[in-house]
Amino acid sequence: MSQALNLSRAQLSVRVHRKPGWQDIATDEDWLYLAGLKDVFTCEIVGYAMGERMTTGLVSQALFRAVQQKRPPAGLIHHTDRGSQYCAKAYRALQVQFGMQTSMSRKGNCFDNAPIESFWGSLKNELVHHHRFKTRAEAKAAIQEYIEIFYNRQRRHSRLGNISPAEFTNRYWRTAQAA
């Protein structure tokens, strides 16, 4: 495995995706795995994918969705933990293909991934712990609604001045265009 620097604090003014990866959700049917990417500038979940197993393919799908949706510029810092899915050659090749700088957490240091860890905590506290999902399909639908409708568009974030990621993004672009 090639080494990757921890660039998570290197360029604080740059929009950075952090993605330590995944969360497992219990259903009566079996486990559902969620891979996600968070933009630490806007606090938005910009890409995610769900499946029956946590694989390189699943995290790659989340990355593809983020790139397709947001079209980040070359040089974006993409920060992950050191999970095998993120160290895989295929995943690292995607980062190169998309012009991303690879950054990885220090071994055993969850604090390097605090933004996405915060999202996993919110997801559990605000959704998962309050529902018993009968099927993976039911859990997928609820999680998609939580991310797309509530978390990204309605949920207020203290780091953003108590506005939603969508409102923060809108204000940012209005200000940038006016300048």
C-alpha atoms as a PDB file:
ATOM      1  CA  MET A   1       0.000   0.000   0.000  1.00  0.00           C
ATOM      2  CA  SER A   2       1.355   3.407  -0.903  1.00  0.00           C
ATOM      3  CA  GLN A   3       1.408   6.002   1.832  1.00  0.00           C
ATOM      4  CA  ALA A   4      -0.920   8.992   1.851  1.00  0.00           C
ATOM      5  CA  LEU A   5      -0.355  12.141   3.838  1.00  0.00           C
ATOM      6  CA  ASN A   6      -2.900  13.452   6.297  1.00  0.00           C
ATOM      7  CA  LEU A   7      -3.925  16.673   4.543  1.00  0.00           C
ATOM      8  CA  SER A   8      -7.134  17.178   6.501  1.00  0.00           C
ATOM      9  CA  ARG A   9      -5.906  20.409   8.087  1.00  0.00           C
ATOM     10  CA  ALA A  10      -3.588  21.525   5.301  1.00  0.00           C
ATOM     11  CA  GLN A  11      -5.903  23.841   3.365  1.00  0.00           C
ATOM     12  CA  LEU A  12      -8.810  24.935   5.502  1.00  0.00           C
ATOM     13  CA  SER A  13     -10.151  27.331   2.877  1.00  0.00           C
ATOM     14  CA  VAL A  14     -10.476  24.584   0.268  1.00  0.00           C
ATOM     15  CA  ARG A  15     -13.695  22.621  -0.054  1.00  0.00           C
ATOM     16  CA  VAL A  16     -12.758  19.236   1.308  1.00  0.00           C
ATOM     17  CA  HIS A  17     -14.607  15.964   1.118  1.00  0.00           C
ATOM     18  CA  ARG A  18     -14.073  13.742   4.105  1.00  0.00           C
ATOM     19  CA  LYS A  19     -15.253  10.231   3.989  1.00  0.00           C
ATOM     20  CA  PRO A  20     -14.218   7.781   6.588  1.00  0.00           C
ATOM     21  CA  GLY A  21     -16.776   5.684   5.125  1.00  0.00           C
ATOM     22  CA  TRP A  22     -19.570   3.750   6.389  1.00  0.00           C
ATOM     23  CA  GLN A  23     -22.233   2.898   8.888  1.00  0.00           C
ATOM     24  CA  ASP A  24     -24.024  -0.392   9.382  1.00  0.00           C
ATOM     25  CA  ILE A  25     -27.771  -0.375  10.010  1.00  0.00           C
ATOM     26  CA  ALA A  26     -29.660  -3.361  11.387  1.00  0.00           C
ATOM     27  CA  THR A  27     -32.888  -4.481   9.733  1.00  0.00           C
ATOM     28  CA  ASP A  28     -35.043  -7.531  10.411  1.00  0.00           C
ATOM     29  CA  GLU A  29     -33.901  -8.779   7.018  1.00  0.00           C
ATOM     30  CA  ASP A  30     -30.136  -8.328   7.645  1.00  0.00           C
ATOM     31  CA  TRP A  31     -27.532  -5.557   7.721  1.00  0.00           C
ATOM     32  CA  LEU A  32     -27.545  -2.554   5.404  1.00  0.00           C
ATOM     33  CA  TYR A  33     -24.294  -0.674   4.832  1.00  0.00           C
ATOM     34  CA  LEU A  34     -24.124   3.039   4.058  1.00  0.00           C
ATOM     35  CA  ALA A  35     -21.040   4.697   2.554  1.00  0.00           C
ATOM     36  CA  GLY A  36     -21.001   8.473   2.537  1.00  0.00           C
ATOM     37  CA  LEU A  37     -18.999  11.571   1.654  1.00  0.00           C
ATOM     38  CA  LYS A  38     -19.339  14.870   3.475  1.00  0.00           C
ATOM     39  CA  ASP A  39     -18.237  18.258   2.204  1.00  0.00           C
ATOM     40  CA  VAL A  40     -16.725  19.882   5.287  1.00  0.00           C
ATOM     41  CA  PHE A  41     -17.164  23.383   3.863  1.00  0.00           C
ATOM     42  CA  THR A  42     -20.951  23.129   3.447  1.00  0.00           C
ATOM     43  CA  CYS A  43     -21.650  20.189   5.843  1.00  0.00           C
ATOM     44  CA  GLU A  44     -23.608  18.568   3.005  1.00  0.00           C
ATOM     45  CA  ILE A  45     -23.642  14.829   2.368  1.00  0.00           C
ATOM     46  CA  VAL A  46     -22.591  15.006  -1.280  1.00  0.00           C
ATOM     47  CA  GLY A  47     -22.473  11.329  -2.157  1.00  0.00           C
ATOM     48  CA  TYR A  48     -23.692   8.108  -0.634  1.00  0.00           C
ATOM     49  CA  ALA A  49     -24.475   4.526  -1.535  1.00  0.00           C
ATOM     50  CA  MET A  50     -26.142   1.647   0.301  1.00  0.00           C
ATOM     51  CA  GLY A  51     -25.722  -2.085  -0.081  1.00  0.00           C
ATOM     52  CA  GLU A  52     -25.663  -5.508   1.513  1.00  0.00           C
ATOM     53  CA  ARG A  53     -21.878  -5.529   1.979  1.00  0.00           C
ATOM     54  CA  MET A  54     -19.202  -2.922   2.596  1.00  0.00           C
ATOM     55  CA  THR A  55     -17.029  -3.223  -0.484  1.00  0.00           C
ATOM     56  CA  THR A  56     -14.697  -1.117  -2.570  1.00  0.00           C
ATOM     57  CA  GLY A  57     -17.491  -1.032  -5.149  1.00  0.00           C
ATOM     58  CA  LEU A  58     -19.909   0.493  -2.637  1.00  0.00           C
ATOM     59  CA  VAL A  59     -17.562   3.279  -1.562  1.00  0.00           C
ATOM     60  CA  SER A  60     -16.649   3.857  -5.218  1.00  0.00           C
ATOM     61  CA  GLN A  61     -20.332   4.276  -6.037  1.00  0.00           C
ATOM     62  CA  ALA A  62     -20.625   6.934  -3.315  1.00  0.00           C
ATOM     63  CA  LEU A  63     -17.586   8.738  -4.737  1.00  0.00           C
ATOM     64  CA  PHE A  64     -18.980   8.597  -8.292  1.00  0.00           C
ATOM     65  CA  ARG A  65     -22.253  10.106  -7.084  1.00  0.00           C
ATOM     66  CA  ALA A  66     -20.453  12.924  -5.291  1.00  0.00           C
ATOM     67  CA  VAL A  67     -18.357  13.748  -8.350  1.00  0.00           C
ATOM     68  CA  GLN A  68     -21.357  13.534 -10.667  1.00  0.00           C
ATOM     69  CA  GLN A  69     -23.441  15.803  -8.441  1.00  0.00           C
ATOM     70  CA  LYS A  70     -20.834  18.395  -7.434  1.00  0.00           C
ATOM     71  CA  ARG A  71     -18.172  18.328 -10.190  1.00  0.00           C
ATOM     72  CA  PRO A  72     -15.317  19.253  -7.826  1.00  0.00           C
ATOM     73  CA  PRO A  73     -12.225  20.993  -9.198  1.00  0.00           C
ATOM     74  CA  ALA A  74      -8.941  19.160  -9.638  1.00  0.00           C
ATOM     75  CA  GLY A  75      -6.839  19.249  -6.509  1.00  0.00           C
ATOM     76  CA  LEU A  76      -9.714  18.694  -4.092  1.00  0.00           C
ATOM     77  CA  ILE A  77      -8.518  17.007  -0.907  1.00  0.00           C
ATOM     78  CA  HIS A  78     -10.311  13.700  -0.421  1.00  0.00           C
ATOM     79  CA  HIS A  79      -9.844  12.502   3.150  1.00  0.00           C
ATOM     80  CA  THR A  80     -10.601   8.957   4.291  1.00  0.00           C
ATOM     81  CA  ASP A  81      -9.786   6.617   7.089  1.00  0.00           C
ATOM     82  CA  ARG A  82      -7.456   3.687   6.493  1.00  0.00           C
ATOM     83  CA  GLY A  83     -10.154   1.102   5.807  1.00  0.00           C
ATOM     84  CA  SER A  84      -9.334  -1.553   3.228  1.00  0.00           C
ATOM     85  CA  GLN A  85     -11.967  -0.200   0.828  1.00  0.00           C
ATOM     86  CA  TYR A  86     -10.205   3.178   0.675  1.00  0.00           C
ATOM     87  CA  CYS A  87      -6.726   1.677   0.388  1.00  0.00           C
ATOM     88  CA  ALA A  88      -7.759  -0.531  -2.539  1.00  0.00           C
ATOM     89  CA  LYS A  89      -5.973   0.157  -5.822  1.00  0.00           C
ATOM     90  CA  ALA A  90      -9.280   0.583  -7.659  1.00  0.00           C
ATOM     91  CA  TYR A  91     -10.461   3.275  -5.248  1.00  0.00           C
ATOM     92  CA  ARG A  92      -7.136   5.096  -5.262  1.00  0.00           C
ATOM     93  CA  ALA A  93      -7.208   5.005  -9.084  1.00  0.00           C
ATOM     94  CA  LEU A  94     -10.608   6.737  -9.022  1.00  0.00           C
ATOM     95  CA  GLN A  95      -9.177   9.520  -6.906  1.00  0.00           C
ATOM     96  CA  VAL A  96      -6.381   9.984  -9.448  1.00  0.00           C
ATOM     97  CA  GLN A  97      -8.888   9.881 -12.326  1.00  0.00           C
ATOM     98  CA  PHE A  98     -10.916  12.637 -10.655  1.00  0.00           C
ATOM     99  CA  GLY A  99      -7.801  14.736  -9.942  1.00  0.00           C
ATOM    100  CA  MET A 100      -8.146  14.456  -6.176  1.00  0.00           C
ATOM    101  CA  GLN A 101      -5.400  14.689  -3.596  1.00  0.00           C
ATOM    102  CA  THR A 102      -5.466  11.657  -1.327  1.00  0.00           C
ATOM    103  CA  SER A 103      -5.391  12.241   2.416  1.00  0.00           C
ATOM    104  CA  MET A 104      -5.711   9.541   5.074  1.00  0.00           C
ATOM    105  CA  SER A 105      -6.230   9.655   8.809  1.00  0.00           C
ATOM    106  CA  ARG A 106      -3.546   8.759  11.226  1.00  0.00           C
ATOM    107  CA  LYS A 107      -3.770   5.139  12.262  1.00  0.00           C
ATOM    108  CA  GLY A 108      -6.414   4.651  14.953  1.00  0.00           C
ATOM    109  CA  ASN A 109      -7.330   8.349  15.147  1.00  0.00           C
ATOM    110  CA  CYS A 110     -11.073   8.873  14.706  1.00  0.00           C
ATOM    111  CA  PHE A 111     -10.699  12.593  15.472  1.00  0.00           C
ATOM    112  CA  ASP A 112      -9.273  13.158  11.971  1.00  0.00           C
ATOM    113  CA  ASN A 113     -12.722  12.198  10.686  1.00  0.00           C
ATOM    114  CA  ALA A 114     -14.835  14.173  13.142  1.00  0.00           C
ATOM    115  CA  PRO A 115     -17.129  15.789  10.526  1.00  0.00           C
ATOM    116  CA  ILE A 116     -18.421  12.528   9.070  1.00  0.00           C
ATOM    117  CA  GLU A 117     -18.404  10.851  12.476  1.00  0.00           C
ATOM    118  CA  SER A 118     -20.717  13.658  13.581  1.00  0.00           C
ATOM    119  CA  PHE A 119     -23.036  12.826  10.683  1.00  0.00           C
ATOM    120  CA  TRP A 120     -23.092   9.121  11.652  1.00  0.00           C
ATOM    121  CA  GLY A 121     -24.032  10.151  15.197  1.00  0.00           C
ATOM    122  CA  SER A 122     -26.821  12.411  13.941  1.00  0.00           C
ATOM    123  CA  LEU A 123     -28.146   9.683  11.654  1.00  0.00           C
ATOM    124  CA  LYS A 124     -28.272   7.207  14.534  1.00  0.00           C
ATOM    125  CA  ASN A 125     -29.748   9.624  17.081  1.00  0.00           C
ATOM    126  CA  GLU A 126     -32.295  11.261  14.794  1.00  0.00           C
ATOM    127  CA  LEU A 127     -33.384   8.271  12.695  1.00  0.00           C
ATOM    128  CA  VAL A 128     -31.950   4.803  13.203  1.00  0.00           C
ATOM    129  CA  HIS A 129     -32.457   4.509  16.974  1.00  0.00           C
ATOM    130  CA  HIS A 130     -36.118   5.497  16.619  1.00  0.00           C
ATOM    131  CA  HIS A 131     -37.087   2.963  13.948  1.00  0.00           C
ATOM    132  CA  ARG A 132     -37.163  -0.759  13.526  1.00  0.00           C
ATOM    133  CA  PHE A 133     -36.682  -1.442   9.843  1.00  0.00           C
ATOM    134  CA  LYS A 134     -38.283  -4.625   8.539  1.00  0.00           C
ATOM    135  CA  THR A 135     -36.357  -4.683   5.271  1.00  0.00           C
ATOM    136  CA  ARG A 136     -33.285  -3.137   3.718  1.00  0.00           C
ATOM    137  CA  ALA A 137     -35.556  -1.401   1.198  1.00  0.00           C
ATOM    138  CA  GLU A 138     -37.464   0.268   4.040  1.00  0.00           C
ATOM    139  CA  ALA A 139     -34.216   1.390   5.683  1.00  0.00           C
ATOM    140  CA  LYS A 140     -32.838   2.670   2.358  1.00  0.00           C
ATOM    141  CA  ALA A 141     -35.933   4.785   1.732  1.00  0.00           C
ATOM    142  CA  ALA A 142     -35.828   6.276   5.237  1.00  0.00           C
ATOM    143  CA  ILE A 143     -32.096   7.027   5.038  1.00  0.00           C
ATOM    144  CA  GLN A 144     -32.423   8.597   1.594  1.00  0.00           C
ATOM    145  CA  GLU A 145     -35.212  10.850   2.866  1.00  0.00           C
ATOM    146  CA  TYR A 146     -33.179  11.734   5.967  1.00  0.00           C
ATOM    147  CA  ILE A 147     -30.157  12.753   3.885  1.00  0.00           C
ATOM    148  CA  GLU A 148     -31.849  14.391   0.900  1.00  0.00           C
ATOM    149  CA  ILE A 149     -34.746  16.135   2.626  1.00  0.00           C
ATOM    150  CA  PHE A 150     -33.821  16.639   6.264  1.00  0.00           C
ATOM    151  CA  TYR A 151     -30.033  16.643   6.737  1.00  0.00           C
ATOM    152  CA  ASN A 152     -29.005  18.552   3.610  1.00  0.00           C
ATOM    153  CA  ARG A 153     -31.990  20.904   3.288  1.00  0.00           C
ATOM    154  CA  GLN A 154     -33.550  21.448   6.722  1.00  0.00           C
ATOM    155  CA  ARG A 155     -31.254  20.441   9.558  1.00  0.00           C
ATOM    156  CA  ARG A 156     -29.497  23.434  11.073  1.00  0.00           C
ATOM    157  CA  HIS A 157     -25.787  23.197  11.788  1.00  0.00           C
ATOM    158  CA  SER A 158     -24.193  25.351  14.458  1.00  0.00           C
ATOM    159  CA  ARG A 159     -20.951  25.425  12.459  1.00  0.00           C
ATOM    160  CA  LEU A 160     -22.860  27.116   9.620  1.00  0.00           C
ATOM    161  CA  GLY A 161     -24.482  29.752  11.825  1.00  0.00           C
ATOM    162  CA  ASN A 162     -27.569  27.631  12.507  1.00  0.00           C
ATOM    163  CA  ILE A 163     -28.651  27.309   8.892  1.00  0.00           C
ATOM    164  CA  SER A 164     -28.942  24.230   6.693  1.00  0.00           C
ATOM    165  CA  PRO A 165     -26.244  23.123   4.246  1.00  0.00           C
ATOM    166  CA  ALA A 166     -28.542  24.061   1.352  1.00  0.00           C
ATOM    167  CA  GLU A 167     -29.103  27.572   2.702  1.00  0.00           C
ATOM    168  CA  PHE A 168     -25.391  27.995   3.437  1.00  0.00           C
ATOM    169  CA  THR A 169     -24.521  26.976  -0.131  1.00  0.00           C
ATOM    170  CA  ASN A 170     -27.128  29.338  -1.591  1.00  0.00           C
ATOM    171  CA  ARG A 171     -25.839  32.256   0.474  1.00  0.00           C
ATOM    172  CA  TYR A 172     -22.230  31.450  -0.403  1.00  0.00           C
ATOM    173  CA  TRP A 173     -22.896  31.465  -4.157  1.00  0.00           C
ATOM    174  CA  ARG A 174     -25.049  34.612  -3.994  1.00  0.00           C
ATOM    175  CA  THR A 175     -22.223  36.397  -2.167  1.00  0.00           C
ATOM    176  CA  ALA A 176     -19.603  35.061  -4.587  1.00  0.00           C
ATOM    177  CA  GLN A 177     -21.614  36.205  -7.607  1.00  0.00           C
ATOM    178  CA  ALA A 178     -22.180  39.652  -6.119  1.00  0.00           C
ATOM    179  CA  ALA A 179     -18.462  40.150  -5.497  1.00  0.00           C
END
